[in-house]
mmCIF file of all heavy atoms, coordinates in Angstrom:
data_MODEL
# 
_entry.id   MODEL 
# 
loop_
_atom_site.group_PDB 
_atom_site.id 
_atom_site.type_symbol 
_atom_site.label_atom_id 
_atom_site.label_alt_id 
_atom_site.label_comp_id 
_atom_site.label_asym_id 
_atom_site.label_entity_id 
_atom_site.label_seq_id 
_atom_site.pdbx_PDB_ins_code 
_atom_site.Cartn_x 
_atom_site.Cartn_y 
_atom_site.Cartn_z 
_atom_site.occupancy 
_atom_site.B_iso_or_equiv 
_atom_site.pdbx_formal_charge 
_atom_site.auth_seq_id 
_atom_site.auth_comp_id 
_atom_site.auth_asym_id 
_atom_site.auth_atom_id 
_atom_site.pdbx_PDB_model_num 
ATOM 1   N N   . PHE A 1 1  ? -5.875  1.578   -7.353  1.00 0.00 ? 1  PHE A N   1 
ATOM 2   C CA  . PHE A 1 1  ? -4.567  1.618   -7.971  1.00 0.00 ? 1  PHE A CA  1 
ATOM 3   C C   . PHE A 1 1  ? -3.761  0.473   -7.364  1.00 0.00 ? 1  PHE A C   1 
ATOM 4   O O   . PHE A 1 1  ? -4.138  -0.162  -6.484  1.00 0.00 ? 1  PHE A O   1 
ATOM 5   C CB  . PHE A 1 1  ? -3.881  3.045   -7.840  1.00 0.00 ? 1  PHE A CB  1 
ATOM 6   C CG  . PHE A 1 1  ? -3.549  3.422   -6.407  1.00 0.00 ? 1  PHE A CG  1 
ATOM 7   C CD1 . PHE A 1 1  ? -2.413  3.095   -5.852  1.00 0.00 ? 1  PHE A CD1 1 
ATOM 8   C CD2 . PHE A 1 1  ? -4.611  4.194   -5.708  1.00 0.00 ? 1  PHE A CD2 1 
ATOM 9   C CE1 . PHE A 1 1  ? -2.259  3.592   -4.495  1.00 0.00 ? 1  PHE A CE1 1 
ATOM 10  C CE2 . PHE A 1 1  ? -4.332  4.652   -4.511  1.00 0.00 ? 1  PHE A CE2 1 
ATOM 11  C CZ  . PHE A 1 1  ? -3.057  4.278   -3.892  1.00 0.00 ? 1  PHE A CZ  1 
ATOM 12  N N   . SER A 1 2  ? -2.599  0.239   -7.975  1.00 0.00 ? 2  SER A N   1 
ATOM 13  C CA  . SER A 1 2  ? -1.722  -0.828  -7.461  1.00 0.00 ? 2  SER A CA  1 
ATOM 14  C C   . SER A 1 2  ? -0.323  -0.178  -7.259  1.00 0.00 ? 2  SER A C   1 
ATOM 15  O O   . SER A 1 2  ? 0.103   0.772   -7.910  1.00 0.00 ? 2  SER A O   1 
ATOM 16  C CB  . SER A 1 2  ? -1.602  -1.910  -8.630  1.00 0.00 ? 2  SER A CB  1 
ATOM 17  O OG  . SER A 1 2  ? -2.803  -2.497  -8.840  1.00 0.00 ? 2  SER A OG  1 
ATOM 18  N N   . ILE A 1 3  ? 0.306   -0.866  -6.266  1.00 0.00 ? 3  ILE A N   1 
ATOM 19  C CA  . ILE A 1 3  ? 1.792   -0.509  -5.940  1.00 0.00 ? 3  ILE A CA  1 
ATOM 20  C C   . ILE A 1 3  ? 2.571   -1.804  -6.046  1.00 0.00 ? 3  ILE A C   1 
ATOM 21  O O   . ILE A 1 3  ? 2.120   -2.796  -5.428  1.00 0.00 ? 3  ILE A O   1 
ATOM 22  C CB  . ILE A 1 3  ? 1.869   0.239   -4.665  1.00 0.00 ? 3  ILE A CB  1 
ATOM 23  C CG1 . ILE A 1 3  ? 1.282   1.617   -4.774  1.00 0.00 ? 3  ILE A CG1 1 
ATOM 24  C CG2 . ILE A 1 3  ? 3.330   0.240   -4.183  1.00 0.00 ? 3  ILE A CG2 1 
ATOM 25  C CD1 . ILE A 1 3  ? 1.459   2.452   -3.459  1.00 0.00 ? 3  ILE A CD1 1 
ATOM 26  N N   . ARG A 1 4  ? 3.649   -1.813  -6.746  1.00 0.00 ? 4  ARG A N   1 
ATOM 27  C CA  . ARG A 1 4  ? 4.412   -3.031  -6.765  1.00 0.00 ? 4  ARG A CA  1 
ATOM 28  C C   . ARG A 1 4  ? 5.989   -2.831  -6.560  1.00 0.00 ? 4  ARG A C   1 
ATOM 29  O O   . ARG A 1 4  ? 6.544   -1.832  -7.049  1.00 0.00 ? 4  ARG A O   1 
ATOM 30  C CB  . ARG A 1 4  ? 4.293   -3.729  -8.281  1.00 0.00 ? 4  ARG A CB  1 
ATOM 31  C CG  . ARG A 1 4  ? 5.111   -4.858  -8.492  1.00 0.00 ? 4  ARG A CG  1 
ATOM 32  C CD  . ARG A 1 4  ? 4.889   -5.490  -9.863  1.00 0.00 ? 4  ARG A CD  1 
ATOM 33  N NE  . ARG A 1 4  ? 3.618   -6.117  -9.919  1.00 0.00 ? 4  ARG A NE  1 
ATOM 34  C CZ  . ARG A 1 4  ? 3.173   -6.770  -10.994 1.00 0.00 ? 4  ARG A CZ  1 
ATOM 35  N NH1 . ARG A 1 4  ? 3.839   -6.677  -12.212 1.00 0.00 ? 4  ARG A NH1 1 
ATOM 36  N NH2 . ARG A 1 4  ? 2.013   -7.358  -11.032 1.00 0.00 ? 4  ARG A NH2 1 
ATOM 37  N N   . ASP A 1 5  ? 6.486   -3.814  -5.774  1.00 0.00 ? 5  ASP A N   1 
ATOM 38  C CA  . ASP A 1 5  ? 7.976   -3.848  -5.625  1.00 0.00 ? 5  ASP A CA  1 
ATOM 39  C C   . ASP A 1 5  ? 8.612   -2.619  -5.020  1.00 0.00 ? 5  ASP A C   1 
ATOM 40  O O   . ASP A 1 5  ? 9.695   -2.123  -5.534  1.00 0.00 ? 5  ASP A O   1 
ATOM 41  C CB  . ASP A 1 5  ? 8.598   -4.203  -6.946  1.00 0.00 ? 5  ASP A CB  1 
ATOM 42  C CG  . ASP A 1 5  ? 8.208   -5.698  -7.388  1.00 0.00 ? 5  ASP A CG  1 
ATOM 43  O OD1 . ASP A 1 5  ? 7.937   -6.531  -6.526  1.00 0.00 ? 5  ASP A OD1 1 
ATOM 44  O OD2 . ASP A 1 5  ? 8.160   -5.928  -8.617  1.00 0.00 ? 5  ASP A OD2 1 
ATOM 45  N N   . THR A 1 6  ? 7.906   -2.005  -4.076  1.00 0.00 ? 6  THR A N   1 
ATOM 46  C CA  . THR A 1 6  ? 8.543   -0.903  -3.354  1.00 0.00 ? 6  THR A CA  1 
ATOM 47  C C   . THR A 1 6  ? 9.742   -1.340  -2.436  1.00 0.00 ? 6  THR A C   1 
ATOM 48  O O   . THR A 1 6  ? 9.675   -2.466  -1.914  1.00 0.00 ? 6  THR A O   1 
ATOM 49  C CB  . THR A 1 6  ? 7.519   -0.177  -2.453  1.00 0.00 ? 6  THR A CB  1 
ATOM 50  O OG1 . THR A 1 6  ? 7.095   -1.053  -1.461  1.00 0.00 ? 6  THR A OG1 1 
ATOM 51  C CG2 . THR A 1 6  ? 6.403   0.319   -3.185  1.00 0.00 ? 6  THR A CG2 1 
ATOM 52  N N   . LYS A 1 7  ? 10.660  -0.502  -2.351  1.00 0.00 ? 7  LYS A N   1 
ATOM 53  C CA  . LYS A 1 7  ? 11.817  -0.850  -1.410  1.00 0.00 ? 7  LYS A CA  1 
ATOM 54  C C   . LYS A 1 7  ? 11.335  -0.954  -0.018  1.00 0.00 ? 7  LYS A C   1 
ATOM 55  O O   . LYS A 1 7  ? 11.841  -1.843  0.696   1.00 0.00 ? 7  LYS A O   1 
ATOM 56  C CB  . LYS A 1 7  ? 12.893  0.187   -1.562  1.00 0.00 ? 7  LYS A CB  1 
ATOM 57  C CG  . LYS A 1 7  ? 14.144  -0.127  -0.729  1.00 0.00 ? 7  LYS A CG  1 
ATOM 58  C CD  . LYS A 1 7  ? 15.255  0.931   -1.091  1.00 0.00 ? 7  LYS A CD  1 
ATOM 59  C CE  . LYS A 1 7  ? 16.564  0.610   -0.208  1.00 0.00 ? 7  LYS A CE  1 
ATOM 60  N NZ  . LYS A 1 7  ? 17.601  1.573   -0.476  1.00 0.00 ? 7  LYS A NZ  1 
ATOM 61  N N   . GLY A 1 8  ? 10.462  -0.063  0.422   1.00 0.00 ? 8  GLY A N   1 
ATOM 62  C CA  . GLY A 1 8  ? 9.971   -0.008  1.797   1.00 0.00 ? 8  GLY A CA  1 
ATOM 63  C C   . GLY A 1 8  ? 8.607   -0.457  1.783   1.00 0.00 ? 8  GLY A C   1 
ATOM 64  O O   . GLY A 1 8  ? 8.083   -1.266  1.012   1.00 0.00 ? 8  GLY A O   1 
ATOM 65  N N   . ASP A 1 9  ? 7.791   0.249   2.718   1.00 0.00 ? 9  ASP A N   1 
ATOM 66  C CA  . ASP A 1 9  ? 6.350   -0.060  2.813   1.00 0.00 ? 9  ASP A CA  1 
ATOM 67  C C   . ASP A 1 9  ? 5.581   0.263   1.568   1.00 0.00 ? 9  ASP A C   1 
ATOM 68  O O   . ASP A 1 9  ? 6.031   1.227   0.867   1.00 0.00 ? 9  ASP A O   1 
ATOM 69  C CB  . ASP A 1 9  ? 5.775   0.614   4.089   1.00 0.00 ? 9  ASP A CB  1 
ATOM 70  C CG  . ASP A 1 9  ? 6.520   0.267   5.277   1.00 0.00 ? 9  ASP A CG  1 
ATOM 71  O OD1 . ASP A 1 9  ? 6.848   -0.856  5.472   1.00 0.00 ? 9  ASP A OD1 1 
ATOM 72  O OD2 . ASP A 1 9  ? 6.649   1.242   6.158   1.00 0.00 ? 9  ASP A OD2 1 
ATOM 73  N N   . GLY A 1 10 ? 4.445   -0.417  1.394   1.00 0.00 ? 10 GLY A N   1 
ATOM 74  C CA  . GLY A 1 10 ? 3.668   0.025   0.258   1.00 0.00 ? 10 GLY A CA  1 
ATOM 75  C C   . GLY A 1 10 ? 2.847   1.385   0.491   1.00 0.00 ? 10 GLY A C   1 
ATOM 76  O O   . GLY A 1 10 ? 3.260   2.347   -0.146  1.00 0.00 ? 10 GLY A O   1 
ATOM 77  N N   . ILE A 1 11 ? 1.762   1.337   1.342   1.00 0.00 ? 11 ILE A N   1 
ATOM 78  C CA  . ILE A 1 11 ? 1.172   2.540   1.684   1.00 0.00 ? 11 ILE A CA  1 
ATOM 79  C C   . ILE A 1 11 ? 0.994   2.702   3.130   1.00 0.00 ? 11 ILE A C   1 
ATOM 80  O O   . ILE A 1 11 ? 0.582   1.732   3.861   1.00 0.00 ? 11 ILE A O   1 
ATOM 81  C CB  . ILE A 1 11 ? -0.288  2.569   1.048   1.00 0.00 ? 11 ILE A CB  1 
ATOM 82  C CG1 . ILE A 1 11 ? -0.371  2.134   -0.428  1.00 0.00 ? 11 ILE A CG1 1 
ATOM 83  C CG2 . ILE A 1 11 ? -1.007  3.860   1.286   1.00 0.00 ? 11 ILE A CG2 1 
ATOM 84  C CD1 . ILE A 1 11 ? -1.734  1.891   -0.980  1.00 0.00 ? 11 ILE A CD1 1 
ATOM 85  N N   . LYS A 1 12 ? 1.540   3.785   3.662   1.00 0.00 ? 12 LYS A N   1 
ATOM 86  C CA  . LYS A 1 12 ? 1.479   4.020   5.100   1.00 0.00 ? 12 LYS A CA  1 
ATOM 87  C C   . LYS A 1 12 ? 0.751   5.234   5.416   1.00 0.00 ? 12 LYS A C   1 
ATOM 88  O O   . LYS A 1 12 ? 0.770   6.216   4.610   1.00 0.00 ? 12 LYS A O   1 
ATOM 89  C CB  . LYS A 1 12 ? 2.919   4.182   5.710   1.00 0.00 ? 12 LYS A CB  1 
ATOM 90  C CG  . LYS A 1 12 ? 2.965   4.409   7.191   1.00 0.00 ? 12 LYS A CG  1 
ATOM 91  C CD  . LYS A 1 12 ? 4.317   4.586   7.773   1.00 0.00 ? 12 LYS A CD  1 
ATOM 92  C CE  . LYS A 1 12 ? 4.298   4.798   9.222   1.00 0.00 ? 12 LYS A CE  1 
ATOM 93  N NZ  . LYS A 1 12 ? 5.607   4.909   9.872   1.00 0.00 ? 12 LYS A NZ  1 
ATOM 94  N N   . SER A 1 13 ? -0.114  5.259   6.380   1.00 0.00 ? 13 SER A N   1 
ATOM 95  C CA  . SER A 1 13 ? -0.714  6.397   6.942   1.00 0.00 ? 13 SER A CA  1 
ATOM 96  C C   . SER A 1 13 ? -0.551  6.453   8.387   1.00 0.00 ? 13 SER A C   1 
ATOM 97  O O   . SER A 1 13 ? -0.550  5.476   9.141   1.00 0.00 ? 13 SER A O   1 
ATOM 98  C CB  . SER A 1 13 ? -2.236  6.361   6.598   1.00 0.00 ? 13 SER A CB  1 
ATOM 99  O OG  . SER A 1 13 ? -2.914  5.270   7.115   1.00 0.00 ? 13 SER A OG  1 
ATOM 100 N N   . LYS A 1 14 ? -0.372  7.729   8.961   1.00 0.00 ? 14 LYS A N   1 
ATOM 101 C CA  . LYS A 1 14 ? -0.025  7.933   10.353  1.00 0.00 ? 14 LYS A CA  1 
ATOM 102 C C   . LYS A 1 14 ? -0.833  9.162   10.833  1.00 0.00 ? 14 LYS A C   1 
ATOM 103 O O   . LYS A 1 14 ? -0.852  10.180  10.224  1.00 0.00 ? 14 LYS A O   1 
ATOM 104 C CB  . LYS A 1 14 ? 1.397   8.025   10.512  1.00 0.00 ? 14 LYS A CB  1 
ATOM 105 C CG  . LYS A 1 14 ? 1.814   8.346   12.037  1.00 0.00 ? 14 LYS A CG  1 
ATOM 106 C CD  . LYS A 1 14 ? 3.321   8.358   12.157  1.00 0.00 ? 14 LYS A CD  1 
ATOM 107 C CE  . LYS A 1 14 ? 3.719   8.497   13.651  1.00 0.00 ? 14 LYS A CE  1 
ATOM 108 N NZ  . LYS A 1 14 ? 5.108   8.572   13.782  1.00 0.00 ? 14 LYS A NZ  1 
ATOM 109 N N   . GLY A 1 15 ? -1.600  8.951   11.919  1.00 0.00 ? 15 GLY A N   1 
ATOM 110 C CA  . GLY A 1 15 ? -2.403  9.960   12.398  1.00 0.00 ? 15 GLY A CA  1 
ATOM 111 C C   . GLY A 1 15 ? -3.364  10.551  11.372  1.00 0.00 ? 15 GLY A C   1 
ATOM 112 O O   . GLY A 1 15 ? -3.782  11.677  11.323  1.00 0.00 ? 15 GLY A O   1 
ATOM 113 N N   . ALA A 1 16 ? -3.933  9.544   10.580  1.00 0.00 ? 16 ALA A N   1 
ATOM 114 C CA  . ALA A 1 16 ? -4.912  9.910   9.502   1.00 0.00 ? 16 ALA A CA  1 
ATOM 115 C C   . ALA A 1 16 ? -6.323  9.293   9.860   1.00 0.00 ? 16 ALA A C   1 
ATOM 116 O O   . ALA A 1 16 ? -6.596  8.147   9.531   1.00 0.00 ? 16 ALA A O   1 
ATOM 117 C CB  . ALA A 1 16 ? -4.389  9.424   8.195   1.00 0.00 ? 16 ALA A CB  1 
ATOM 118 N N   . ASP A 1 17 ? -7.070  10.087  10.519  1.00 0.00 ? 17 ASP A N   1 
ATOM 119 C CA  . ASP A 1 17 ? -8.393  9.604   10.912  1.00 0.00 ? 17 ASP A CA  1 
ATOM 120 C C   . ASP A 1 17 ? -9.381  9.613   9.763   1.00 0.00 ? 17 ASP A C   1 
ATOM 121 O O   . ASP A 1 17 ? -9.253  10.293  8.814   1.00 0.00 ? 17 ASP A O   1 
ATOM 122 C CB  . ASP A 1 17 ? -8.965  10.620  11.956  1.00 0.00 ? 17 ASP A CB  1 
ATOM 123 C CG  . ASP A 1 17 ? -8.111  10.629  13.275  1.00 0.00 ? 17 ASP A CG  1 
ATOM 124 O OD1 . ASP A 1 17 ? -7.320  9.647   13.416  1.00 0.00 ? 17 ASP A OD1 1 
ATOM 125 O OD2 . ASP A 1 17 ? -8.244  11.573  14.091  1.00 0.00 ? 17 ASP A OD2 1 
ATOM 126 N N   . ARG A 1 18 ? -10.251 8.583   9.871   1.00 0.00 ? 18 ARG A N   1 
ATOM 127 C CA  . ARG A 1 18 ? -11.350 8.403   8.888   1.00 0.00 ? 18 ARG A CA  1 
ATOM 128 C C   . ARG A 1 18 ? -10.773 8.029   7.476   1.00 0.00 ? 18 ARG A C   1 
ATOM 129 O O   . ARG A 1 18 ? -11.315 8.400   6.440   1.00 0.00 ? 18 ARG A O   1 
ATOM 130 C CB  . ARG A 1 18 ? -12.319 9.578   8.889   1.00 0.00 ? 18 ARG A CB  1 
ATOM 131 C CG  . ARG A 1 18 ? -13.037 9.883   10.171  1.00 0.00 ? 18 ARG A CG  1 
ATOM 132 C CD  . ARG A 1 18 ? -13.868 11.117  10.121  1.00 0.00 ? 18 ARG A CD  1 
ATOM 133 N NE  . ARG A 1 18 ? -12.999 12.280  9.897   1.00 0.00 ? 18 ARG A NE  1 
ATOM 134 C CZ  . ARG A 1 18 ? -12.324 12.872  10.840  1.00 0.00 ? 18 ARG A CZ  1 
ATOM 135 N NH1 . ARG A 1 18 ? -12.311 12.378  12.076  1.00 0.00 ? 18 ARG A NH1 1 
ATOM 136 N NH2 . ARG A 1 18 ? -11.540 13.961  10.587  1.00 0.00 ? 18 ARG A NH2 1 
ATOM 137 N N   . ILE A 1 19 ? -9.733  7.393   7.532   1.00 0.00 ? 19 ILE A N   1 
ATOM 138 C CA  . ILE A 1 19 ? -9.023  6.988   6.208   1.00 0.00 ? 19 ILE A CA  1 
ATOM 139 C C   . ILE A 1 19 ? -9.675  5.759   5.623   1.00 0.00 ? 19 ILE A C   1 
ATOM 140 O O   . ILE A 1 19 ? -10.276 4.889   6.350   1.00 0.00 ? 19 ILE A O   1 
ATOM 141 C CB  . ILE A 1 19 ? -7.493  6.705   6.375   1.00 0.00 ? 19 ILE A CB  1 
ATOM 142 C CG1 . ILE A 1 19 ? -6.854  6.683   5.041   1.00 0.00 ? 19 ILE A CG1 1 
ATOM 143 C CG2 . ILE A 1 19 ? -7.269  5.471   7.223   1.00 0.00 ? 19 ILE A CG2 1 
ATOM 144 C CD1 . ILE A 1 19 ? -5.288  6.788   5.047   1.00 0.00 ? 19 ILE A CD1 1 
ATOM 145 N N   . ILE A 1 20 ? -9.698  5.714   4.367   1.00 0.00 ? 20 ILE A N   1 
ATOM 146 C CA  . ILE A 1 20 ? -10.318 4.574   3.530   1.00 0.00 ? 20 ILE A CA  1 
ATOM 147 C C   . ILE A 1 20 ? -9.159  3.950   2.582   1.00 0.00 ? 20 ILE A C   1 
ATOM 148 O O   . ILE A 1 20 ? -8.744  4.725   1.846   1.00 0.00 ? 20 ILE A O   1 
ATOM 149 C CB  . ILE A 1 20 ? -11.548 4.936   2.701   1.00 0.00 ? 20 ILE A CB  1 
ATOM 150 C CG1 . ILE A 1 20 ? -12.616 5.384   3.613   1.00 0.00 ? 20 ILE A CG1 1 
ATOM 151 C CG2 . ILE A 1 20 ? -12.020 3.785   1.861   1.00 0.00 ? 20 ILE A CG2 1 
ATOM 152 C CD1 . ILE A 1 20 ? -13.892 6.008   2.837   1.00 0.00 ? 20 ILE A CD1 1 
ATOM 153 N N   . TYR A 1 21 ? -8.925  2.664   2.747   1.00 0.00 ? 21 TYR A N   1 
ATOM 154 C CA  . TYR A 1 21 ? -8.146  2.017   1.719   1.00 0.00 ? 21 TYR A CA  1 
ATOM 155 C C   . TYR A 1 21 ? -9.076  1.041   1.111   1.00 0.00 ? 21 TYR A C   1 
ATOM 156 O O   . TYR A 1 21 ? -9.676  0.136   1.671   1.00 0.00 ? 21 TYR A O   1 
ATOM 157 C CB  . TYR A 1 21 ? -7.126  1.075   2.491   1.00 0.00 ? 21 TYR A CB  1 
ATOM 158 C CG  . TYR A 1 21 ? -5.949  1.839   3.202   1.00 0.00 ? 21 TYR A CG  1 
ATOM 159 C CD1 . TYR A 1 21 ? -6.099  2.280   4.429   1.00 0.00 ? 21 TYR A CD1 1 
ATOM 160 C CD2 . TYR A 1 21 ? -4.735  1.822   2.592   1.00 0.00 ? 21 TYR A CD2 1 
ATOM 161 C CE1 . TYR A 1 21 ? -4.957  2.993   5.050   1.00 0.00 ? 21 TYR A CE1 1 
ATOM 162 C CE2 . TYR A 1 21 ? -3.612  2.407   3.229   1.00 0.00 ? 21 TYR A CE2 1 
ATOM 163 C CZ  . TYR A 1 21 ? -3.806  2.962   4.485   1.00 0.00 ? 21 TYR A CZ  1 
ATOM 164 O OH  . TYR A 1 21 ? -2.771  3.541   5.156   1.00 0.00 ? 21 TYR A OH  1 
ATOM 165 N N   . ARG A 1 22 ? -9.320  1.185   -0.208  1.00 0.00 ? 22 ARG A N   1 
ATOM 166 C CA  . ARG A 1 22 ? -10.357 0.527   -0.993  1.00 0.00 ? 22 ARG A CA  1 
ATOM 167 C C   . ARG A 1 22 ? -9.882  0.127   -2.451  1.00 0.00 ? 22 ARG A C   1 
ATOM 168 O O   . ARG A 1 22 ? -9.326  0.951   -3.047  1.00 0.00 ? 22 ARG A O   1 
ATOM 169 C CB  . ARG A 1 22 ? -11.538 1.278   -1.021  1.00 0.00 ? 22 ARG A CB  1 
ATOM 170 C CG  . ARG A 1 22 ? -12.768 0.612   -1.759  1.00 0.00 ? 22 ARG A CG  1 
ATOM 171 C CD  . ARG A 1 22 ? -13.999 1.542   -1.903  1.00 0.00 ? 22 ARG A CD  1 
ATOM 172 N NE  . ARG A 1 22 ? -14.752 1.690   -0.561  1.00 0.00 ? 22 ARG A NE  1 
ATOM 173 C CZ  . ARG A 1 22 ? -15.222 2.768   -0.138  1.00 0.00 ? 22 ARG A CZ  1 
ATOM 174 N NH1 . ARG A 1 22 ? -15.094 3.905   -0.805  1.00 0.00 ? 22 ARG A NH1 1 
ATOM 175 N NH2 . ARG A 1 22 ? -15.782 2.760   1.027   1.00 0.00 ? 22 ARG A NH2 1 
ATOM 176 N N   . ASP A 1 23 ? -10.116 -1.099  -2.811  1.00 0.00 ? 23 ASP A N   1 
ATOM 177 C CA  . ASP A 1 23 ? -9.867  -1.619  -4.117  1.00 0.00 ? 23 ASP A CA  1 
ATOM 178 C C   . ASP A 1 23 ? -8.372  -1.324  -4.517  1.00 0.00 ? 23 ASP A C   1 
ATOM 179 O O   . ASP A 1 23 ? -8.163  -0.679  -5.560  1.00 0.00 ? 23 ASP A O   1 
ATOM 180 C CB  . ASP A 1 23 ? -10.809 -0.868  -5.107  1.00 0.00 ? 23 ASP A CB  1 
ATOM 181 C CG  . ASP A 1 23 ? -12.314 -1.228  -4.850  1.00 0.00 ? 23 ASP A CG  1 
ATOM 182 O OD1 . ASP A 1 23 ? -12.529 -2.378  -4.393  1.00 0.00 ? 23 ASP A OD1 1 
ATOM 183 O OD2 . ASP A 1 23 ? -13.191 -0.411  -5.109  1.00 0.00 ? 23 ASP A OD2 1 
ATOM 184 N N   . LEU A 1 24 ? -7.511  -1.863  -3.735  1.00 0.00 ? 24 LEU A N   1 
ATOM 185 C CA  . LEU A 1 24 ? -6.003  -1.589  -3.962  1.00 0.00 ? 24 LEU A CA  1 
ATOM 186 C C   . LEU A 1 24 ? -5.324  -2.950  -4.089  1.00 0.00 ? 24 LEU A C   1 
ATOM 187 O O   . LEU A 1 24 ? -5.784  -4.028  -3.571  1.00 0.00 ? 24 LEU A O   1 
ATOM 188 C CB  . LEU A 1 24 ? -5.444  -0.799  -2.749  1.00 0.00 ? 24 LEU A CB  1 
ATOM 189 C CG  . LEU A 1 24 ? -6.074  0.516   -2.412  1.00 0.00 ? 24 LEU A CG  1 
ATOM 190 C CD1 . LEU A 1 24 ? -5.540  0.950   -1.079  1.00 0.00 ? 24 LEU A CD1 1 
ATOM 191 C CD2 . LEU A 1 24 ? -5.734  1.501   -3.513  1.00 0.00 ? 24 LEU A CD2 1 
ATOM 192 N N   . ILE A 1 25 ? -4.175  -2.966  -4.727  1.00 0.00 ? 25 ILE A N   1 
ATOM 193 C CA  . ILE A 1 25 ? -3.246  -4.068  -4.804  1.00 0.00 ? 25 ILE A CA  1 
ATOM 194 C C   . ILE A 1 25 ? -1.865  -3.510  -4.375  1.00 0.00 ? 25 ILE A C   1 
ATOM 195 O O   . ILE A 1 25 ? -1.377  -2.584  -4.956  1.00 0.00 ? 25 ILE A O   1 
ATOM 196 C CB  . ILE A 1 25 ? -3.165  -4.736  -6.141  1.00 0.00 ? 25 ILE A CB  1 
ATOM 197 C CG1 . ILE A 1 25 ? -4.560  -5.276  -6.560  1.00 0.00 ? 25 ILE A CG1 1 
ATOM 198 C CG2 . ILE A 1 25 ? -2.119  -5.912  -6.160  1.00 0.00 ? 25 ILE A CG2 1 
ATOM 199 C CD1 . ILE A 1 25 ? -4.577  -5.860  -7.913  1.00 0.00 ? 25 ILE A CD1 1 
ATOM 200 N N   . VAL A 1 26 ? -1.337  -4.251  -3.476  1.00 0.00 ? 26 VAL A N   1 
ATOM 201 C CA  . VAL A 1 26 ? 0.069   -3.945  -3.021  1.00 0.00 ? 26 VAL A CA  1 
ATOM 202 C C   . VAL A 1 26 ? 0.837   -5.199  -2.966  1.00 0.00 ? 26 VAL A C   1 
ATOM 203 O O   . VAL A 1 26 ? 0.406   -6.188  -2.366  1.00 0.00 ? 26 VAL A O   1 
ATOM 204 C CB  . VAL A 1 26 ? 0.266   -3.289  -1.627  1.00 0.00 ? 26 VAL A CB  1 
ATOM 205 C CG1 . VAL A 1 26 ? 1.720   -2.955  -1.329  1.00 0.00 ? 26 VAL A CG1 1 
ATOM 206 C CG2 . VAL A 1 26 ? -0.574  -1.961  -1.593  1.00 0.00 ? 26 VAL A CG2 1 
ATOM 207 N N   . GLU A 1 27 ? 1.932   -5.348  -3.808  1.00 0.00 ? 27 GLU A N   1 
ATOM 208 C CA  . GLU A 1 27 ? 2.560   -6.622  -3.958  1.00 0.00 ? 27 GLU A CA  1 
ATOM 209 C C   . GLU A 1 27 ? 4.031   -6.488  -4.267  1.00 0.00 ? 27 GLU A C   1 
ATOM 210 O O   . GLU A 1 27 ? 4.495   -5.552  -4.787  1.00 0.00 ? 27 GLU A O   1 
ATOM 211 C CB  . GLU A 1 27 ? 1.927   -7.464  -5.042  1.00 0.00 ? 27 GLU A CB  1 
ATOM 212 C CG  . GLU A 1 27 ? 1.923   -6.893  -6.449  1.00 0.00 ? 27 GLU A CG  1 
ATOM 213 C CD  . GLU A 1 27 ? 1.183   -7.748  -7.382  1.00 0.00 ? 27 GLU A CD  1 
ATOM 214 O OE1 . GLU A 1 27 ? 0.728   -8.845  -7.146  1.00 0.00 ? 27 GLU A OE1 1 
ATOM 215 O OE2 . GLU A 1 27 ? 0.920   -7.193  -8.589  1.00 0.00 ? 27 GLU A OE2 1 
ATOM 216 N N   . TRP A 1 28 ? 4.695   -7.608  -3.831  1.00 0.00 ? 28 TRP A N   1 
ATOM 217 C CA  . TRP A 1 28 ? 6.127   -7.760  -4.225  1.00 0.00 ? 28 TRP A CA  1 
ATOM 218 C C   . TRP A 1 28 ? 6.224   -9.048  -5.071  1.00 0.00 ? 28 TRP A C   1 
ATOM 219 O O   . TRP A 1 28 ? 5.763   -10.088 -4.564  1.00 0.00 ? 28 TRP A O   1 
ATOM 220 C CB  . TRP A 1 28 ? 6.949   -7.901  -2.931  1.00 0.00 ? 28 TRP A CB  1 
ATOM 221 C CG  . TRP A 1 28 ? 7.174   -6.608  -2.239  1.00 0.00 ? 28 TRP A CG  1 
ATOM 222 C CD1 . TRP A 1 28 ? 8.137   -5.715  -2.401  1.00 0.00 ? 28 TRP A CD1 1 
ATOM 223 C CD2 . TRP A 1 28 ? 6.169   -5.997  -1.227  1.00 0.00 ? 28 TRP A CD2 1 
ATOM 224 N NE1 . TRP A 1 28 ? 7.996   -4.593  -1.579  1.00 0.00 ? 28 TRP A NE1 1 
ATOM 225 C CE2 . TRP A 1 28 ? 6.822   -4.738  -0.888  1.00 0.00 ? 28 TRP A CE2 1 
ATOM 226 C CE3 . TRP A 1 28 ? 5.090   -6.384  -0.656  1.00 0.00 ? 28 TRP A CE3 1 
ATOM 227 C CZ2 . TRP A 1 28 ? 6.144   -3.905  -0.023  1.00 0.00 ? 28 TRP A CZ2 1 
ATOM 228 C CZ3 . TRP A 1 28 ? 4.358   -5.525  0.238   1.00 0.00 ? 28 TRP A CZ3 1 
ATOM 229 C CH2 . TRP A 1 28 ? 5.117   -4.324  0.573   1.00 0.00 ? 28 TRP A CH2 1 
ATOM 230 N N   . SER A 1 29 ? 6.761   -8.951  -6.227  1.00 0.00 ? 29 SER A N   1 
ATOM 231 C CA  . SER A 1 29 ? 6.759   -10.068 -7.127  1.00 0.00 ? 29 SER A CA  1 
ATOM 232 C C   . SER A 1 29 ? 7.871   -11.100 -6.685  1.00 0.00 ? 29 SER A C   1 
ATOM 233 O O   . SER A 1 29 ? 8.770   -10.616 -6.051  1.00 0.00 ? 29 SER A O   1 
ATOM 234 C CB  . SER A 1 29 ? 6.862   -9.487  -8.584  1.00 0.00 ? 29 SER A CB  1 
ATOM 235 O OG  . SER A 1 29 ? 8.064   -8.719  -8.764  1.00 0.00 ? 29 SER A OG  1 
ATOM 236 N N   . GLY A 1 30 ? 7.830   -12.232 -7.306  1.00 0.00 ? 30 GLY A N   1 
ATOM 237 C CA  . GLY A 1 30 ? 8.840   -13.173 -7.142  1.00 0.00 ? 30 GLY A CA  1 
ATOM 238 C C   . GLY A 1 30 ? 8.573   -13.977 -5.812  1.00 0.00 ? 30 GLY A C   1 
ATOM 239 O O   . GLY A 1 30 ? 7.565   -13.913 -5.241  1.00 0.00 ? 30 GLY A O   1 
ATOM 240 N N   . GLU A 1 31 ? 9.664   -14.740 -5.508  1.00 0.00 ? 31 GLU A N   1 
ATOM 241 C CA  . GLU A 1 31 ? 9.510   -15.637 -4.227  1.00 0.00 ? 31 GLU A CA  1 
ATOM 242 C C   . GLU A 1 31 ? 9.537   -14.732 -3.041  1.00 0.00 ? 31 GLU A C   1 
ATOM 243 O O   . GLU A 1 31 ? 10.082  -13.664 -2.986  1.00 0.00 ? 31 GLU A O   1 
ATOM 244 C CB  . GLU A 1 31 ? 10.717  -16.602 -4.250  1.00 0.00 ? 31 GLU A CB  1 
ATOM 245 C CG  . GLU A 1 31 ? 10.586  -17.684 -5.353  1.00 0.00 ? 31 GLU A CG  1 
ATOM 246 C CD  . GLU A 1 31 ? 9.351   -18.456 -5.338  1.00 0.00 ? 31 GLU A CD  1 
ATOM 247 O OE1 . GLU A 1 31 ? 9.026   -19.017 -4.273  1.00 0.00 ? 31 GLU A OE1 1 
ATOM 248 O OE2 . GLU A 1 31 ? 8.696   -18.655 -6.403  1.00 0.00 ? 31 GLU A OE2 1 
# 
């Protein structure tokens, strides 16, 4: 999946063992 133009962080994990981030797009458009 994709996440675009969030006000804060895109995807955050904390204390999450054995996590997988795979085939993702996180972006802020523009300059």
